Amino acid sequence: MNKTFKWIGVVLALLAMIVFVVPFGLPGQYRVLRNVTINAPPAAIHPSVNTLKEWPKWSAWTVAKYPDLKITYSGPESGVGAIDEFAAESIGGGGRFEITKSHPAEGIEYKLDFHQGNATFPSTGGIKYTKDEGGTKVTWTNEGELGINPISRWCNAFGLMDSVMGPDLETGLANLKKKVEAEVAAGKPPTEKEPVANEPATPAEKPADS
């Protein structure tokens, strides 16, 4: 009997090591990447990416999917400093998305903070344009730190972060492709006045007093 309890103790100790110690040898960061080729030049793509009020027309994160989603915009209309803050019980919290870099020929970079209860999960990402046969290759990446939580590290090791976030990036890129190519086919020119790269967009001028 004593030997049985001794072996049970050894097994439990080994399991504890596997669950709580081994993860510190696993990667502490995650990175999710998806891409699509759009049959259009960057100039036709950038207004939809660089203007956050355009995102509900193509991203996977919409009121149609999350009816209780509330979005508030602040900062410039587009480009560096453009911000949207969102919240919904259906996604378990809310967050803040801000464009940190913008170039009409190269794409954008952003920072994203997701809040769930008292916890904040910061990440960074980008939507980049490169030349590709037949158009422009648009690559969307999102990456962040996993912290010291062993469960998060195990989940990432088994591809959970990619399987959770990846489909949303794929859906967004597919919708962006459909939107931009339809606009190009219809002869719609880009409507955004491009801000200087990495500089905030100029606020719209107020009409003169009569």
N, C-alpha and C. Protein backbone atom coordinates (compact mmCIF):
# COMPACT_ATOMS: atom_id res chain seq x y z
N MET A 1 0.84 -1.22 0.00
CA MET A 1 0.00 0.00 0.00
C MET A 1 0.86 1.26 0.00
N ASN A 2 1.93 1.24 0.86
CA ASN A 2 2.81 2.41 0.92
C ASN A 2 3.49 2.65 -0.42
N LYS A 3 3.88 1.54 -1.09
CA LYS A 3 4.51 1.69 -2.40
C LYS A 3 3.53 2.29 -3.41
N THR A 4 2.27 1.90 -3.31
CA THR A 4 1.25 2.44 -4.22
C THR A 4 1.12 3.95 -4.05
N PHE A 5 1.04 4.39 -2.78
CA PHE A 5 0.93 5.83 -2.52
C PHE A 5 2.19 6.57 -2.99
N LYS A 6 3.34 5.89 -2.85
CA LYS A 6 4.59 6.50 -3.28
C LYS A 6 4.59 6.71 -4.80
N TRP A 7 4.14 5.71 -5.54
CA TRP A 7 4.09 5.83 -7.00
C TRP A 7 3.06 6.88 -7.43
N ILE A 8 1.94 6.95 -6.72
CA ILE A 8 0.94 7.98 -7.03
C ILE A 8 1.54 9.36 -6.84
N GLY A 9 2.32 9.51 -5.76
CA GLY A 9 2.98 10.80 -5.50
C GLY A 9 3.96 11.16 -6.60
N VAL A 10 4.71 10.17 -7.07
CA VAL A 10 5.68 10.40 -8.14
C VAL A 10 4.98 10.82 -9.43
N VAL A 11 3.90 10.10 -9.75
CA VAL A 11 3.15 10.42 -10.96
C VAL A 11 2.56 11.84 -10.89
N LEU A 12 2.00 12.19 -9.74
CA LEU A 12 1.42 13.53 -9.58
C LEU A 12 2.49 14.61 -9.70
N ALA A 13 3.67 14.33 -9.15
CA ALA A 13 4.77 15.30 -9.25
C ALA A 13 5.21 15.48 -10.70
N LEU A 14 5.27 14.37 -11.44
CA LEU A 14 5.64 14.46 -12.85
C LEU A 14 4.60 15.22 -13.66
N LEU A 15 3.32 14.97 -13.37
CA LEU A 15 2.26 15.70 -14.06
C LEU A 15 2.34 17.19 -13.77
N ALA A 16 2.62 17.52 -12.51
CA ALA A 16 2.75 18.93 -12.13
C ALA A 16 3.89 19.59 -12.89
N MET A 17 5.01 18.85 -13.04
CA MET A 17 6.14 19.40 -13.79
C MET A 17 5.76 19.62 -15.25
N ILE A 18 5.05 18.66 -15.83
CA ILE A 18 4.66 18.79 -17.23
C ILE A 18 3.74 19.98 -17.43
N VAL A 19 2.79 20.16 -16.52
CA VAL A 19 1.79 21.22 -16.67
C VAL A 19 2.36 22.60 -16.34
N PHE A 20 3.16 22.69 -15.26
CA PHE A 20 3.55 24.00 -14.77
C PHE A 20 5.01 24.38 -15.01
N VAL A 21 5.89 23.42 -15.26
CA VAL A 21 7.31 23.74 -15.44
C VAL A 21 7.71 23.70 -16.91
N VAL A 22 7.31 22.65 -17.61
CA VAL A 22 7.66 22.51 -19.03
C VAL A 22 7.26 23.73 -19.87
N PRO A 23 6.06 24.34 -19.62
CA PRO A 23 5.67 25.49 -20.45
C PRO A 23 6.67 26.64 -20.47
N PHE A 24 7.51 26.76 -19.43
CA PHE A 24 8.49 27.85 -19.43
C PHE A 24 9.58 27.63 -20.47
N GLY A 25 9.64 26.42 -21.02
CA GLY A 25 10.55 26.15 -22.13
C GLY A 25 9.89 26.32 -23.48
N LEU A 26 8.58 26.61 -23.47
CA LEU A 26 7.84 26.82 -24.71
C LEU A 26 7.90 28.29 -25.10
N PRO A 27 7.65 28.62 -26.37
CA PRO A 27 7.67 30.03 -26.80
C PRO A 27 6.73 30.89 -25.97
N GLY A 28 7.20 32.09 -25.62
CA GLY A 28 6.40 33.02 -24.83
C GLY A 28 5.66 34.02 -25.67
N GLN A 29 5.72 33.86 -26.99
CA GLN A 29 5.02 34.77 -27.89
C GLN A 29 4.18 33.96 -28.88
N TYR A 30 3.17 34.61 -29.42
CA TYR A 30 2.40 33.99 -30.49
C TYR A 30 2.39 34.91 -31.70
N ARG A 31 2.18 34.33 -32.85
CA ARG A 31 2.09 35.12 -34.09
C ARG A 31 1.12 34.43 -35.03
N VAL A 32 0.13 35.16 -35.47
CA VAL A 32 -0.87 34.64 -36.41
C VAL A 32 -0.72 35.41 -37.72
N LEU A 33 -0.69 34.71 -38.84
CA LEU A 33 -0.47 35.34 -40.14
C LEU A 33 -1.40 34.72 -41.18
N ARG A 34 -2.00 35.59 -41.99
CA ARG A 34 -2.80 35.16 -43.13
C ARG A 34 -2.57 36.15 -44.26
N ASN A 35 -2.76 35.73 -45.51
CA ASN A 35 -2.61 36.65 -46.64
C ASN A 35 -3.56 36.29 -47.76
N VAL A 36 -3.73 37.25 -48.65
CA VAL A 36 -4.58 37.08 -49.82
C VAL A 36 -4.04 37.98 -50.92
N THR A 37 -4.25 37.59 -52.18
CA THR A 37 -3.87 38.45 -53.29
C THR A 37 -5.11 39.15 -53.82
N ILE A 38 -5.03 40.48 -53.88
CA ILE A 38 -6.14 41.29 -54.37
C ILE A 38 -5.77 41.85 -55.73
N ASN A 39 -6.66 41.73 -56.68
CA ASN A 39 -6.40 42.21 -58.03
C ASN A 39 -6.65 43.72 -58.10
N ALA A 40 -5.78 44.45 -57.44
CA ALA A 40 -5.88 45.90 -57.39
C ALA A 40 -4.57 46.45 -56.85
N PRO A 41 -4.25 47.71 -57.15
CA PRO A 41 -3.03 48.32 -56.62
C PRO A 41 -3.24 48.76 -55.17
N PRO A 42 -2.16 49.00 -54.42
CA PRO A 42 -2.29 49.46 -53.04
C PRO A 42 -3.16 50.71 -52.89
N ALA A 43 -3.11 51.59 -53.89
CA ALA A 43 -3.89 52.83 -53.80
C ALA A 43 -5.39 52.56 -53.70
N ALA A 44 -5.83 51.43 -54.27
CA ALA A 44 -7.26 51.09 -54.20
C ALA A 44 -7.60 50.34 -52.92
N ILE A 45 -6.59 49.74 -52.29
CA ILE A 45 -6.80 48.95 -51.08
C ILE A 45 -6.70 49.81 -49.81
N HIS A 46 -5.76 50.72 -49.82
CA HIS A 46 -5.40 51.46 -48.60
C HIS A 46 -6.57 52.21 -47.94
N PRO A 47 -7.44 52.88 -48.68
CA PRO A 47 -8.53 53.60 -48.00
C PRO A 47 -9.40 52.70 -47.13
N SER A 48 -9.62 51.47 -47.55
CA SER A 48 -10.45 50.54 -46.76
C SER A 48 -9.74 50.06 -45.51
N VAL A 49 -8.41 50.04 -45.54
CA VAL A 49 -7.62 49.57 -44.41
C VAL A 49 -7.26 50.71 -43.47
N ASN A 50 -6.96 51.85 -44.03
CA ASN A 50 -6.45 52.99 -43.28
C ASN A 50 -7.54 53.82 -42.60
N THR A 51 -8.79 53.60 -42.99
CA THR A 51 -9.92 54.34 -42.41
C THR A 51 -10.74 53.36 -41.57
N LEU A 52 -10.70 53.51 -40.26
CA LEU A 52 -11.32 52.52 -39.37
C LEU A 52 -12.83 52.43 -39.53
N LYS A 53 -13.47 53.51 -39.96
CA LYS A 53 -14.92 53.46 -40.17
C LYS A 53 -15.28 52.59 -41.37
N GLU A 54 -14.28 52.25 -42.20
CA GLU A 54 -14.51 51.33 -43.32
C GLU A 54 -14.44 49.86 -42.89
N TRP A 55 -13.82 49.59 -41.75
CA TRP A 55 -13.60 48.21 -41.32
C TRP A 55 -14.89 47.40 -41.16
N PRO A 56 -15.98 47.98 -40.62
CA PRO A 56 -17.21 47.18 -40.51
C PRO A 56 -17.74 46.67 -41.84
N LYS A 57 -17.27 47.24 -42.96
CA LYS A 57 -17.72 46.80 -44.27
C LYS A 57 -16.99 45.55 -44.75
N TRP A 58 -15.89 45.17 -44.04
CA TRP A 58 -15.15 44.01 -44.52
C TRP A 58 -14.56 43.12 -43.43
N SER A 59 -14.34 43.63 -42.23
CA SER A 59 -13.71 42.79 -41.21
C SER A 59 -14.69 41.74 -40.68
N ALA A 60 -14.16 40.77 -39.95
CA ALA A 60 -15.00 39.71 -39.37
C ALA A 60 -15.70 40.16 -38.10
N TRP A 61 -15.27 41.31 -37.56
CA TRP A 61 -15.80 41.78 -36.28
C TRP A 61 -16.85 42.86 -36.54
N THR A 62 -18.09 42.43 -36.71
CA THR A 62 -19.18 43.32 -37.10
C THR A 62 -20.38 43.14 -36.19
N VAL A 63 -21.30 44.10 -36.29
CA VAL A 63 -22.56 44.03 -35.53
C VAL A 63 -23.40 42.85 -36.01
N ALA A 64 -23.25 42.48 -37.28
CA ALA A 64 -23.99 41.34 -37.80
C ALA A 64 -23.59 40.06 -37.06
N LYS A 65 -22.32 39.95 -36.71
CA LYS A 65 -21.84 38.77 -35.99
C LYS A 65 -22.03 38.91 -34.49
N TYR A 66 -21.83 40.14 -33.97
CA TYR A 66 -21.98 40.41 -32.54
C TYR A 66 -22.98 41.55 -32.38
N PRO A 67 -24.27 41.25 -32.27
CA PRO A 67 -25.31 42.29 -32.25
C PRO A 67 -25.15 43.33 -31.15
N ASP A 68 -24.50 42.97 -30.05
CA ASP A 68 -24.34 43.93 -28.95
C ASP A 68 -23.03 44.71 -29.04
N LEU A 69 -22.32 44.59 -30.15
CA LEU A 69 -21.05 45.29 -30.32
C LEU A 69 -21.25 46.80 -30.41
N LYS A 70 -20.51 47.53 -29.59
CA LYS A 70 -20.52 48.99 -29.61
C LYS A 70 -19.12 49.48 -29.97
N ILE A 71 -19.04 50.37 -30.95
CA ILE A 71 -17.76 50.91 -31.40
C ILE A 71 -17.78 52.43 -31.32
N THR A 72 -16.73 52.99 -30.73
CA THR A 72 -16.57 54.44 -30.65
C THR A 72 -15.27 54.83 -31.34
N TYR A 73 -15.34 55.84 -32.22
CA TYR A 73 -14.16 56.28 -32.95
C TYR A 73 -13.65 57.61 -32.39
N SER A 74 -12.33 57.76 -32.43
CA SER A 74 -11.72 59.02 -32.00
C SER A 74 -10.43 59.23 -32.77
N GLY A 75 -9.86 60.43 -32.61
CA GLY A 75 -8.66 60.74 -33.36
C GLY A 75 -8.98 61.13 -34.79
N PRO A 76 -7.97 61.16 -35.66
CA PRO A 76 -8.20 61.52 -37.06
C PRO A 76 -9.07 60.48 -37.77
N GLU A 77 -9.65 60.89 -38.88
CA GLU A 77 -10.52 60.00 -39.65
C GLU A 77 -9.77 58.77 -40.16
N SER A 78 -8.48 58.94 -40.47
CA SER A 78 -7.68 57.84 -40.99
C SER A 78 -6.22 58.06 -40.65
N GLY A 79 -5.43 57.02 -40.83
CA GLY A 79 -3.99 57.15 -40.62
C GLY A 79 -3.58 57.06 -39.16
N VAL A 80 -2.33 57.45 -38.90
CA VAL A 80 -1.76 57.36 -37.56
C VAL A 80 -2.60 58.11 -36.55
N GLY A 81 -2.90 57.45 -35.44
CA GLY A 81 -3.70 58.06 -34.39
C GLY A 81 -5.18 57.77 -34.47
N ALA A 82 -5.64 57.18 -35.58
CA ALA A 82 -7.05 56.80 -35.68
C ALA A 82 -7.31 55.66 -34.69
N ILE A 83 -8.39 55.78 -33.93
CA ILE A 83 -8.67 54.84 -32.84
C ILE A 83 -10.11 54.36 -32.92
N ASP A 84 -10.30 53.08 -32.63
CA ASP A 84 -11.66 52.62 -32.33
C ASP A 84 -11.62 51.83 -31.02
N GLU A 85 -12.62 52.10 -30.19
CA GLU A 85 -12.77 51.39 -28.93
C GLU A 85 -14.06 50.60 -29.01
N PHE A 86 -14.00 49.34 -28.60
CA PHE A 86 -15.14 48.44 -28.80
C PHE A 86 -15.44 47.68 -27.52
N ALA A 87 -16.70 47.25 -27.41
CA ALA A 87 -17.11 46.45 -26.25
C ALA A 87 -18.34 45.63 -26.62
N ALA A 88 -18.40 44.42 -26.07
CA ALA A 88 -19.56 43.56 -26.29
C ALA A 88 -19.52 42.42 -25.27
N GLU A 89 -20.65 42.16 -24.64
CA GLU A 89 -20.72 41.03 -23.72
C GLU A 89 -20.50 39.71 -24.46
N SER A 90 -20.90 39.67 -25.72
CA SER A 90 -20.80 38.43 -26.49
C SER A 90 -19.35 38.05 -26.78
N ILE A 91 -18.41 38.99 -26.68
CA ILE A 91 -16.99 38.65 -26.85
C ILE A 91 -16.26 38.65 -25.51
N GLY A 92 -17.01 38.85 -24.44
CA GLY A 92 -16.43 38.75 -23.11
C GLY A 92 -15.62 39.94 -22.66
N GLY A 93 -15.79 41.09 -23.30
CA GLY A 93 -15.03 42.26 -22.89
C GLY A 93 -15.02 43.34 -23.95
N GLY A 94 -13.88 43.99 -24.10
CA GLY A 94 -13.76 45.07 -25.07
C GLY A 94 -12.30 45.37 -25.31
N GLY A 95 -12.04 46.47 -26.01
CA GLY A 95 -10.66 46.79 -26.29
C GLY A 95 -10.48 48.10 -27.02
N ARG A 96 -9.25 48.32 -27.42
CA ARG A 96 -8.86 49.56 -28.08
C ARG A 96 -7.89 49.23 -29.21
N PHE A 97 -8.19 49.74 -30.40
CA PHE A 97 -7.38 49.51 -31.60
C PHE A 97 -6.88 50.87 -32.09
N GLU A 98 -5.59 51.00 -32.33
CA GLU A 98 -5.02 52.27 -32.79
C GLU A 98 -4.00 52.04 -33.90
N ILE A 99 -4.13 52.80 -34.97
CA ILE A 99 -3.14 52.75 -36.06
C ILE A 99 -1.90 53.51 -35.61
N THR A 100 -0.74 52.86 -35.69
CA THR A 100 0.51 53.48 -35.24
C THR A 100 1.44 53.87 -36.39
N LYS A 101 1.29 53.22 -37.54
CA LYS A 101 2.06 53.57 -38.73
C LYS A 101 1.16 53.41 -39.95
N SER A 102 1.39 54.25 -40.95
CA SER A 102 0.58 54.16 -42.16
C SER A 102 1.37 54.65 -43.36
N HIS A 103 1.33 53.88 -44.43
CA HIS A 103 1.97 54.27 -45.69
C HIS A 103 1.10 53.77 -46.83
N PRO A 104 0.69 54.64 -47.74
CA PRO A 104 -0.26 54.24 -48.78
C PRO A 104 0.23 53.14 -49.70
N ALA A 105 1.55 52.96 -49.81
CA ALA A 105 2.09 51.91 -50.69
C ALA A 105 2.52 50.67 -49.92
N GLU A 106 2.55 50.75 -48.58
CA GLU A 106 3.09 49.65 -47.79
C GLU A 106 2.10 49.05 -46.80
N GLY A 107 1.10 49.83 -46.35
CA GLY A 107 0.12 49.32 -45.42
C GLY A 107 0.14 50.02 -44.08
N ILE A 108 -0.39 49.35 -43.06
CA ILE A 108 -0.48 49.95 -41.73
C ILE A 108 0.13 49.01 -40.68
N GLU A 109 0.45 49.59 -39.52
CA GLU A 109 0.76 48.85 -38.32
C GLU A 109 -0.18 49.36 -37.23
N TYR A 110 -0.45 48.51 -36.23
CA TYR A 110 -1.40 48.91 -35.19
C TYR A 110 -1.05 48.26 -33.86
N LYS A 111 -1.66 48.79 -32.81
CA LYS A 111 -1.59 48.13 -31.51
C LYS A 111 -3.03 47.88 -31.05
N LEU A 112 -3.22 46.72 -30.41
CA LEU A 112 -4.54 46.29 -30.00
C LEU A 112 -4.48 45.82 -28.55
N ASP A 113 -5.31 46.41 -27.71
CA ASP A 113 -5.42 45.98 -26.32
C ASP A 113 -6.81 45.41 -26.12
N PHE A 114 -6.87 44.14 -25.69
CA PHE A 114 -8.16 43.52 -25.42
C PHE A 114 -8.31 43.38 -23.91
N HIS A 115 -9.46 43.82 -23.39
CA HIS A 115 -9.72 43.79 -21.96
C HIS A 115 -10.78 42.75 -21.65
N GLN A 116 -10.49 41.93 -20.67
CA GLN A 116 -11.44 40.91 -20.22
C GLN A 116 -11.39 40.90 -18.70
N GLY A 117 -12.43 41.43 -18.08
CA GLY A 117 -12.41 41.58 -16.63
C GLY A 117 -11.32 42.57 -16.24
N ASN A 118 -10.47 42.17 -15.30
CA ASN A 118 -9.35 43.02 -14.88
C ASN A 118 -8.08 42.76 -15.68
N ALA A 119 -8.15 41.84 -16.62
CA ALA A 119 -6.96 41.47 -17.39
C ALA A 119 -6.93 42.21 -18.73
N THR A 120 -5.72 42.58 -19.15
CA THR A 120 -5.51 43.22 -20.45
C THR A 120 -4.54 42.37 -21.26
N PHE A 121 -4.88 42.15 -22.52
CA PHE A 121 -4.04 41.34 -23.40
C PHE A 121 -3.58 42.22 -24.56
N PRO A 122 -2.36 42.78 -24.47
CA PRO A 122 -1.87 43.65 -25.54
C PRO A 122 -1.29 42.86 -26.70
N SER A 123 -1.45 43.39 -27.90
CA SER A 123 -0.83 42.77 -29.07
C SER A 123 -0.55 43.87 -30.09
N THR A 124 0.24 43.51 -31.09
CA THR A 124 0.53 44.43 -32.18
C THR A 124 0.33 43.67 -33.48
N GLY A 125 0.18 44.41 -34.56
CA GLY A 125 -0.03 43.75 -35.84
C GLY A 125 0.14 44.69 -37.00
N GLY A 126 -0.11 44.18 -38.18
CA GLY A 126 0.00 45.00 -39.37
C GLY A 126 -0.73 44.38 -40.55
N ILE A 127 -1.10 45.22 -41.47
CA ILE A 127 -1.65 44.78 -42.75
C ILE A 127 -0.75 45.40 -43.81
N LYS A 128 0.01 44.55 -44.49
CA LYS A 128 1.06 45.02 -45.39
C LYS A 128 0.77 44.65 -46.84
N TYR A 129 1.23 45.52 -47.75
CA TYR A 129 1.05 45.30 -49.20
C TYR A 129 2.40 45.02 -49.85
N THR A 130 2.44 43.99 -50.68
CA THR A 130 3.62 43.72 -51.50
C THR A 130 3.15 43.33 -52.90
N LYS A 131 4.01 43.57 -53.88
CA LYS A 131 3.65 43.24 -55.25
C LYS A 131 3.53 41.73 -55.41
N ASP A 132 2.56 41.32 -56.19
CA ASP A 132 2.35 39.91 -56.44
C ASP A 132 1.81 39.75 -57.84
N GLU A 133 2.05 38.60 -58.43
CA GLU A 133 1.55 38.36 -59.78
C GLU A 133 0.02 38.44 -59.76
N GLY A 134 -0.53 39.30 -60.57
CA GLY A 134 -1.98 39.46 -60.62
C GLY A 134 -2.52 40.52 -59.68
N GLY A 135 -1.63 41.21 -58.96
CA GLY A 135 -2.15 42.27 -58.09
C GLY A 135 -1.26 42.56 -56.92
N THR A 136 -1.87 42.67 -55.74
CA THR A 136 -1.17 43.04 -54.52
C THR A 136 -1.39 41.96 -53.47
N LYS A 137 -0.31 41.47 -52.91
CA LYS A 137 -0.42 40.51 -51.81
C LYS A 137 -0.61 41.28 -50.51
N VAL A 138 -1.71 41.01 -49.82
CA VAL A 138 -2.02 41.68 -48.56
C VAL A 138 -1.81 40.67 -47.43
N THR A 139 -0.90 40.99 -46.53
CA THR A 139 -0.55 40.09 -45.43
C THR A 139 -0.94 40.71 -44.10
N TRP A 140 -1.74 39.99 -43.34
CA TRP A 140 -2.22 40.46 -42.04
C TRP A 140 -1.56 39.61 -40.95
N THR A 141 -0.88 40.28 -40.02
CA THR A 141 -0.26 39.59 -38.90
C THR A 141 -0.75 40.18 -37.59
N ASN A 142 -0.82 39.34 -36.57
CA ASN A 142 -1.12 39.80 -35.21
C ASN A 142 -0.25 38.97 -34.26
N GLU A 143 0.41 39.65 -33.34
CA GLU A 143 1.31 38.95 -32.44
C GLU A 143 1.31 39.58 -31.06
N GLY A 144 1.67 38.78 -30.06
CA GLY A 144 1.68 39.29 -28.70
C GLY A 144 2.41 38.36 -27.75
N GLU A 145 2.54 38.81 -26.49
CA GLU A 145 3.19 38.04 -25.46
C GLU A 145 2.17 37.16 -24.74
N LEU A 146 2.60 35.98 -24.34
CA LEU A 146 1.73 35.05 -23.63
C LEU A 146 1.88 35.15 -22.12
N GLY A 147 2.90 35.87 -21.66
CA GLY A 147 3.11 36.01 -20.23
C GLY A 147 3.60 34.71 -19.60
N ILE A 148 3.40 34.58 -18.29
CA ILE A 148 3.91 33.41 -17.58
C ILE A 148 2.83 32.36 -17.35
N ASN A 149 1.64 32.61 -17.87
CA ASN A 149 0.55 31.65 -17.69
C ASN A 149 0.86 30.35 -18.44
N PRO A 150 1.05 29.24 -17.72
CA PRO A 150 1.40 27.98 -18.41
C PRO A 150 0.31 27.47 -19.33
N ILE A 151 -0.95 27.72 -18.98
CA ILE A 151 -2.05 27.26 -19.82
C ILE A 151 -2.01 27.96 -21.18
N SER A 152 -1.75 29.28 -21.17
CA SER A 152 -1.66 30.04 -22.42
C SER A 152 -0.54 29.50 -23.30
N ARG A 153 0.58 29.15 -22.68
CA ARG A 153 1.71 28.63 -23.46
C ARG A 153 1.41 27.26 -24.05
N TRP A 154 0.74 26.41 -23.26
CA TRP A 154 0.35 25.11 -23.80
C TRP A 154 -0.63 25.28 -24.96
N CYS A 155 -1.61 26.17 -24.77
CA CYS A 155 -2.61 26.40 -25.83
C CYS A 155 -1.94 26.85 -27.12
N ASN A 156 -0.96 27.76 -26.98
CA ASN A 156 -0.27 28.24 -28.17
C ASN A 156 0.55 27.14 -28.82
N ALA A 157 1.15 26.29 -27.98
CA ALA A 157 1.97 25.19 -28.51
C ALA A 157 1.14 24.23 -29.36
N PHE A 158 -0.13 24.10 -29.01
CA PHE A 158 -1.02 23.22 -29.78
C PHE A 158 -1.81 23.97 -30.84
N GLY A 159 -1.41 25.24 -31.11
CA GLY A 159 -2.01 25.99 -32.21
C GLY A 159 -3.33 26.64 -31.92
N LEU A 160 -3.70 26.79 -30.63
CA LEU A 160 -5.01 27.35 -30.31
C LEU A 160 -5.13 28.81 -30.72
N MET A 161 -4.08 29.61 -30.49
CA MET A 161 -4.14 31.02 -30.85
C MET A 161 -4.38 31.17 -32.35
N ASP A 162 -3.68 30.35 -33.14
CA ASP A 162 -3.84 30.42 -34.59
C ASP A 162 -5.24 29.98 -35.01
N SER A 163 -5.75 28.92 -34.38
CA SER A 163 -7.06 28.40 -34.78
C SER A 163 -8.20 29.31 -34.35
N VAL A 164 -7.99 30.11 -33.29
CA VAL A 164 -9.03 31.03 -32.84
C VAL A 164 -9.02 32.32 -33.66
N MET A 165 -7.83 32.90 -33.84
CA MET A 165 -7.72 34.19 -34.51
C MET A 165 -7.61 34.07 -36.04
N GLY A 166 -6.97 33.02 -36.50
CA GLY A 166 -6.71 32.86 -37.94
C GLY A 166 -7.95 32.94 -38.81
N PRO A 167 -9.04 32.21 -38.47
CA PRO A 167 -10.23 32.27 -39.31
C PRO A 167 -10.82 33.68 -39.44
N ASP A 168 -10.72 34.49 -38.39
CA ASP A 168 -11.22 35.87 -38.47
C ASP A 168 -10.37 36.70 -39.43
N LEU A 169 -9.06 36.49 -39.40
CA LEU A 169 -8.19 37.20 -40.35
C LEU A 169 -8.50 36.76 -41.78
N GLU A 170 -8.70 35.47 -41.97
CA GLU A 170 -9.04 34.95 -43.31
C GLU A 170 -10.35 35.55 -43.82
N THR A 171 -11.36 35.58 -42.95
CA THR A 171 -12.65 36.15 -43.35
C THR A 171 -12.52 37.62 -43.71
N GLY A 172 -11.78 38.35 -42.88
CA GLY A 172 -11.58 39.77 -43.16
C GLY A 172 -10.88 40.02 -44.49
N LEU A 173 -9.83 39.28 -44.74
CA LEU A 173 -9.10 39.45 -46.01
C LEU A 173 -9.94 39.06 -47.21
N ALA A 174 -10.73 38.00 -47.08
CA ALA A 174 -11.60 37.59 -48.18
C ALA A 174 -12.64 38.67 -48.47
N ASN A 175 -13.20 39.26 -47.41
CA ASN A 175 -14.18 40.33 -47.59
C ASN A 175 -13.53 41.59 -48.16
N LEU A 176 -12.30 41.88 -47.71
CA LEU A 176 -11.58 43.04 -48.24
C LEU A 176 -11.32 42.86 -49.73
N LYS A 177 -10.93 41.68 -50.14
CA LYS A 177 -10.69 41.38 -51.56
C LYS A 177 -11.96 41.60 -52.37
N LYS A 178 -13.08 41.08 -51.88
CA LYS A 178 -14.35 41.22 -52.58
C LYS A 178 -14.75 42.69 -52.70
N LYS A 179 -14.60 43.44 -51.61
CA LYS A 179 -14.97 44.86 -51.59
C LYS A 179 -14.13 45.67 -52.56
N VAL A 180 -12.81 45.52 -52.47
CA VAL A 180 -11.91 46.34 -53.29
C VAL A 180 -12.05 45.99 -54.76
N GLU A 181 -12.10 44.70 -55.09
CA GLU A 181 -12.20 44.32 -56.50
C GLU A 181 -13.53 44.76 -57.10
N ALA A 182 -14.59 44.77 -56.30
CA ALA A 182 -15.88 45.27 -56.80
C ALA A 182 -15.81 46.76 -57.06
N GLU A 183 -15.12 47.50 -56.18
CA GLU A 183 -14.99 48.94 -56.38
C GLU A 183 -14.15 49.24 -57.61
N VAL A 184 -13.09 48.48 -57.81
CA VAL A 184 -12.24 48.69 -59.00
C VAL A 184 -13.03 48.38 -60.26
N ALA A 185 -13.80 47.29 -60.24
CA ALA A 185 -14.60 46.92 -61.41
C ALA A 185 -15.65 47.97 -61.73
N ALA A 186 -16.14 48.63 -60.68
CA ALA A 186 -17.16 49.66 -60.87
C ALA A 186 -16.54 51.02 -61.22
N GLY A 187 -15.20 51.05 -61.24
CA GLY A 187 -14.52 52.30 -61.59
C GLY A 187 -14.50 53.31 -60.48
N LYS A 188 -14.71 52.85 -59.22
CA LYS A 188 -14.72 53.78 -58.09
C LYS A 188 -13.29 54.14 -57.72
N PRO A 189 -12.95 55.42 -57.74
CA PRO A 189 -11.59 55.83 -57.38
C PRO A 189 -11.42 55.84 -55.87
N PRO A 190 -10.18 55.75 -55.36
CA PRO A 190 -9.96 55.89 -53.91
C PRO A 190 -10.50 57.24 -53.44
N THR A 191 -11.21 57.24 -52.31
CA THR A 191 -11.83 58.47 -51.82
C THR A 191 -11.06 59.10 -50.69
N GLU A 192 -10.09 58.39 -50.14
CA GLU A 192 -9.37 58.92 -48.99
C GLU A 192 -8.26 59.85 -49.43
N LYS A 193 -8.14 60.97 -48.76
CA LYS A 193 -7.00 61.84 -48.97
C LYS A 193 -5.87 61.30 -48.13
N GLU A 194 -4.81 60.80 -48.76
CA GLU A 194 -3.76 60.10 -48.05
C GLU A 194 -2.98 61.03 -47.13
N PRO A 195 -2.84 60.67 -45.83
CA PRO A 195 -1.98 61.44 -44.95
C PRO A 195 -0.52 61.14 -45.25
N VAL A 196 0.38 62.01 -44.81
CA VAL A 196 1.80 61.75 -44.96
C VAL A 196 2.14 60.52 -44.14
N ALA A 197 3.00 59.66 -44.68
CA ALA A 197 3.33 58.40 -44.01
C ALA A 197 3.78 58.65 -42.59
N ASN A 198 3.22 57.87 -41.64
CA ASN A 198 3.56 57.91 -40.22
C ASN A 198 3.20 59.22 -39.54
N GLU A 199 2.38 60.02 -40.16
CA GLU A 199 1.91 61.27 -39.56
C GLU A 199 0.40 61.24 -39.45
N PRO A 200 -0.16 61.89 -38.41
CA PRO A 200 -1.62 61.92 -38.29
C PRO A 200 -2.27 62.60 -39.48
N ALA A 201 -3.45 62.11 -39.84
CA ALA A 201 -4.18 62.73 -40.94
C ALA A 201 -4.62 64.12 -40.52
N THR A 202 -4.70 65.03 -41.47
CA THR A 202 -5.14 66.39 -41.18
C THR A 202 -6.64 66.41 -40.96
N PRO A 203 -7.11 66.97 -39.81
CA PRO A 203 -8.56 67.01 -39.58
C PRO A 203 -9.26 67.83 -40.64
N ALA A 204 -10.52 67.46 -40.93
CA ALA A 204 -11.28 68.18 -41.93
C ALA A 204 -11.50 69.63 -41.49
N GLU A 205 -11.40 70.56 -42.42
CA GLU A 205 -11.57 71.97 -42.09
C GLU A 205 -13.04 72.26 -41.84
N LYS A 206 -13.28 73.13 -40.85
CA LYS A 206 -14.64 73.55 -40.57
C LYS A 206 -15.08 74.60 -41.58
N PRO A 207 -16.35 74.61 -41.98
CA PRO A 207 -16.80 75.63 -42.92
C PRO A 207 -16.73 77.01 -42.30
N ALA A 208 -16.44 77.99 -43.13
CA ALA A 208 -16.33 79.36 -42.64
C ALA A 208 -17.67 79.84 -42.14
N ASP A 209 -17.63 80.66 -41.08
CA ASP A 209 -18.88 81.25 -40.56
C ASP A 209 -19.49 82.19 -41.57
N SER A 210 -20.80 82.10 -41.68
CA SER A 210 -21.47 82.97 -42.64
C SER A 210 -21.71 84.34 -42.02
